[in-house]
Amino acid sequence: MAETNSKYGSMDVSQQRETFNGIMTFSAKWAIPLSAAIAAFVASILDGAGIGSVVWALIGFFGIRWILSIFAH
């Protein structure tokens, strides 16, 4: 295990909320759209799209990011 100075239960509720919100914000803005873009890229390469794979990856990234921004409100 990693050596840390933190102990179980050492964070108060506001710190836990900040950590949770930070993780969820990062996931919604970068991790989930990037995963969708990689999936779209690989699927379109396997389908034989060639250079169009990059276009599908960009559509996947920005499309999912846009959809998540709608549901984030």
N, C-alpha and C. Protein backbone atom coordinates (compact mmCIF):
# COMPACT_ATOMS: atom_id res chain seq x y z
N MET A 1 0.83 -1.19 0.00
CA MET A 1 0.00 0.00 0.00
C MET A 1 0.86 1.25 0.00
N ALA A 2 0.29 2.30 -0.48
CA ALA A 2 1.02 3.56 -0.53
C ALA A 2 1.11 4.16 0.87
N GLU A 3 2.21 4.82 1.10
CA GLU A 3 2.40 5.50 2.38
C GLU A 3 1.70 6.85 2.33
N THR A 4 0.74 7.07 3.22
CA THR A 4 0.05 8.35 3.29
C THR A 4 -0.07 8.78 4.74
N ASN A 5 -0.24 10.06 4.94
CA ASN A 5 -0.42 10.60 6.27
C ASN A 5 -1.88 10.66 6.68
N SER A 6 -2.78 10.38 5.75
CA SER A 6 -4.20 10.49 6.06
C SER A 6 -4.67 9.24 6.80
N LYS A 7 -5.69 9.43 7.60
CA LYS A 7 -6.27 8.34 8.35
C LYS A 7 -7.74 8.23 7.98
N TYR A 8 -8.28 7.06 8.19
CA TYR A 8 -9.69 6.82 7.88
C TYR A 8 -10.56 7.77 8.69
N GLY A 9 -11.45 8.46 8.00
CA GLY A 9 -12.36 9.39 8.68
C GLY A 9 -11.74 10.73 9.01
N SER A 10 -10.59 11.07 8.38
CA SER A 10 -9.93 12.32 8.72
C SER A 10 -10.48 13.52 7.95
N MET A 11 -11.26 13.29 6.91
CA MET A 11 -11.83 14.39 6.13
C MET A 11 -13.20 14.76 6.69
N ASP A 12 -13.47 16.05 6.75
CA ASP A 12 -14.81 16.45 7.17
C ASP A 12 -15.73 16.46 5.95
N VAL A 13 -16.98 16.74 6.16
CA VAL A 13 -17.98 16.63 5.10
C VAL A 13 -17.70 17.58 3.96
N SER A 14 -17.26 18.79 4.24
CA SER A 14 -17.00 19.75 3.16
C SER A 14 -15.82 19.30 2.29
N GLN A 15 -14.80 18.70 2.88
CA GLN A 15 -13.68 18.20 2.10
C GLN A 15 -14.11 17.01 1.24
N GLN A 16 -14.95 16.15 1.80
CA GLN A 16 -15.45 15.02 1.03
C GLN A 16 -16.30 15.50 -0.15
N ARG A 17 -17.12 16.51 0.09
CA ARG A 17 -17.97 17.05 -0.98
C ARG A 17 -17.11 17.68 -2.08
N GLU A 18 -16.06 18.42 -1.71
CA GLU A 18 -15.17 19.03 -2.70
C GLU A 18 -14.47 17.96 -3.53
N THR A 19 -14.01 16.90 -2.87
CA THR A 19 -13.35 15.81 -3.58
C THR A 19 -14.31 15.12 -4.53
N PHE A 20 -15.51 14.83 -4.06
CA PHE A 20 -16.52 14.18 -4.90
C PHE A 20 -16.87 15.05 -6.11
N ASN A 21 -17.10 16.34 -5.88
CA ASN A 21 -17.44 17.25 -6.98
C ASN A 21 -16.29 17.36 -7.97
N GLY A 22 -15.06 17.38 -7.49
CA GLY A 22 -13.91 17.45 -8.39
C GLY A 22 -13.80 16.22 -9.26
N ILE A 23 -14.00 15.05 -8.67
CA ILE A 23 -13.92 13.80 -9.43
C ILE A 23 -15.04 13.74 -10.46
N MET A 24 -16.26 14.12 -10.07
CA MET A 24 -17.38 14.06 -10.99
C MET A 24 -17.23 15.09 -12.12
N THR A 25 -16.71 16.26 -11.81
CA THR A 25 -16.49 17.27 -12.84
C THR A 25 -15.46 16.79 -13.85
N PHE A 26 -14.35 16.24 -13.37
CA PHE A 26 -13.33 15.71 -14.27
C PHE A 26 -13.89 14.58 -15.13
N SER A 27 -14.65 13.70 -14.52
CA SER A 27 -15.22 12.58 -15.27
C SER A 27 -16.15 13.06 -16.37
N ALA A 28 -17.01 14.04 -16.04
CA ALA A 28 -18.00 14.51 -17.02
C ALA A 28 -17.35 15.32 -18.14
N LYS A 29 -16.29 16.05 -17.82
CA LYS A 29 -15.68 16.91 -18.84
C LYS A 29 -14.62 16.20 -19.67
N TRP A 30 -13.94 15.22 -19.11
CA TRP A 30 -12.82 14.62 -19.83
C TRP A 30 -12.86 13.11 -19.93
N ALA A 31 -13.05 12.41 -18.84
CA ALA A 31 -12.88 10.95 -18.85
C ALA A 31 -13.94 10.24 -19.68
N ILE A 32 -15.20 10.54 -19.46
CA ILE A 32 -16.28 9.86 -20.20
C ILE A 32 -16.25 10.22 -21.69
N PRO A 33 -16.14 11.52 -22.05
CA PRO A 33 -16.06 11.84 -23.49
C PRO A 33 -14.83 11.24 -24.18
N LEU A 34 -13.70 11.21 -23.47
CA LEU A 34 -12.50 10.63 -24.08
C LEU A 34 -12.67 9.14 -24.30
N SER A 35 -13.30 8.46 -23.36
CA SER A 35 -13.56 7.03 -23.53
C SER A 35 -14.48 6.79 -24.73
N ALA A 36 -15.50 7.63 -24.87
CA ALA A 36 -16.40 7.50 -26.02
C ALA A 36 -15.68 7.79 -27.33
N ALA A 37 -14.78 8.76 -27.31
CA ALA A 37 -14.03 9.09 -28.52
C ALA A 37 -13.10 7.95 -28.92
N ILE A 38 -12.44 7.35 -27.96
CA ILE A 38 -11.56 6.22 -28.26
C ILE A 38 -12.38 5.04 -28.79
N ALA A 39 -13.52 4.79 -28.19
CA ALA A 39 -14.39 3.70 -28.66
C ALA A 39 -14.87 3.97 -30.09
N ALA A 40 -15.27 5.20 -30.38
CA ALA A 40 -15.72 5.53 -31.73
C ALA A 40 -14.57 5.42 -32.73
N PHE A 41 -13.39 5.83 -32.32
CA PHE A 41 -12.21 5.76 -33.18
C PHE A 41 -11.88 4.32 -33.54
N VAL A 42 -11.81 3.47 -32.52
CA VAL A 42 -11.47 2.06 -32.76
C VAL A 42 -12.56 1.36 -33.58
N ALA A 43 -13.82 1.64 -33.25
CA ALA A 43 -14.91 1.01 -34.00
C ALA A 43 -14.90 1.43 -35.46
N SER A 44 -14.63 2.69 -35.74
CA SER A 44 -14.62 3.14 -37.13
C SER A 44 -13.38 2.65 -37.88
N ILE A 45 -12.27 2.47 -37.17
CA ILE A 45 -11.10 1.87 -37.83
C ILE A 45 -11.41 0.43 -38.22
N LEU A 46 -12.02 -0.31 -37.30
CA LEU A 46 -12.38 -1.69 -37.60
C LEU A 46 -13.42 -1.79 -38.70
N ASP A 47 -14.22 -0.76 -38.85
CA ASP A 47 -15.23 -0.74 -39.90
C ASP A 47 -14.64 -0.31 -41.24
N GLY A 48 -13.42 0.20 -41.23
CA GLY A 48 -12.75 0.58 -42.47
C GLY A 48 -12.97 2.01 -42.88
N ALA A 49 -13.18 2.90 -41.93
CA ALA A 49 -13.45 4.30 -42.25
C ALA A 49 -12.20 5.08 -42.64
N GLY A 50 -11.03 4.59 -42.33
CA GLY A 50 -9.80 5.28 -42.68
C GLY A 50 -9.65 6.58 -41.91
N ILE A 51 -9.42 7.67 -42.65
CA ILE A 51 -9.20 8.98 -42.01
C ILE A 51 -10.49 9.50 -41.37
N GLY A 52 -11.62 8.98 -41.80
CA GLY A 52 -12.89 9.36 -41.19
C GLY A 52 -13.00 8.93 -39.74
N SER A 53 -12.11 8.04 -39.32
CA SER A 53 -12.09 7.60 -37.93
C SER A 53 -11.83 8.76 -36.99
N VAL A 54 -10.97 9.67 -37.40
CA VAL A 54 -10.67 10.84 -36.58
C VAL A 54 -11.90 11.72 -36.45
N VAL A 55 -12.64 11.86 -37.53
CA VAL A 55 -13.87 12.65 -37.51
C VAL A 55 -14.88 12.04 -36.54
N TRP A 56 -15.03 10.72 -36.61
CA TRP A 56 -15.97 10.05 -35.70
C TRP A 56 -15.53 10.16 -34.25
N ALA A 57 -14.22 10.13 -34.02
CA ALA A 57 -13.71 10.30 -32.66
C ALA A 57 -14.03 11.70 -32.14
N LEU A 58 -13.86 12.71 -32.97
CA LEU A 58 -14.18 14.08 -32.56
C LEU A 58 -15.67 14.27 -32.33
N ILE A 59 -16.47 13.67 -33.20
CA ILE A 59 -17.92 13.73 -33.01
C ILE A 59 -18.30 13.04 -31.71
N GLY A 60 -17.70 11.90 -31.44
CA GLY A 60 -17.97 11.18 -30.20
C GLY A 60 -17.57 11.99 -28.98
N PHE A 61 -16.40 12.61 -29.02
CA PHE A 61 -15.92 13.39 -27.87
C PHE A 61 -16.83 14.59 -27.59
N PHE A 62 -17.03 15.41 -28.61
CA PHE A 62 -17.81 16.63 -28.40
C PHE A 62 -19.31 16.34 -28.23
N GLY A 63 -19.80 15.29 -28.87
CA GLY A 63 -21.21 14.93 -28.71
C GLY A 63 -21.52 14.47 -27.29
N ILE A 64 -20.69 13.59 -26.77
CA ILE A 64 -20.91 13.11 -25.40
C ILE A 64 -20.70 14.24 -24.40
N ARG A 65 -19.71 15.08 -24.66
CA ARG A 65 -19.47 16.20 -23.73
C ARG A 65 -20.67 17.15 -23.73
N TRP A 66 -21.26 17.37 -24.89
CA TRP A 66 -22.44 18.24 -24.99
C TRP A 66 -23.64 17.61 -24.27
N ILE A 67 -23.83 16.31 -24.47
CA ILE A 67 -24.95 15.63 -23.81
C ILE A 67 -24.77 15.66 -22.30
N LEU A 68 -23.57 15.43 -21.82
CA LEU A 68 -23.35 15.47 -20.37
C LEU A 68 -23.52 16.87 -19.80
N SER A 69 -23.21 17.89 -20.58
CA SER A 69 -23.40 19.27 -20.09
C SER A 69 -24.89 19.59 -19.96
N ILE A 70 -25.72 18.98 -20.79
CA ILE A 70 -27.16 19.19 -20.68
C ILE A 70 -27.69 18.58 -19.38
N PHE A 71 -27.25 17.36 -19.08
CA PHE A 71 -27.74 16.67 -17.90
C PHE A 71 -27.07 17.13 -16.60
N ALA A 72 -26.02 17.92 -16.71
CA ALA A 72 -25.31 18.37 -15.51
C ALA A 72 -26.06 19.51 -14.80
N HIS A 73 -27.03 20.10 -15.45
CA HIS A 73 -27.71 21.24 -14.85
C HIS A 73 -28.91 20.83 -14.06
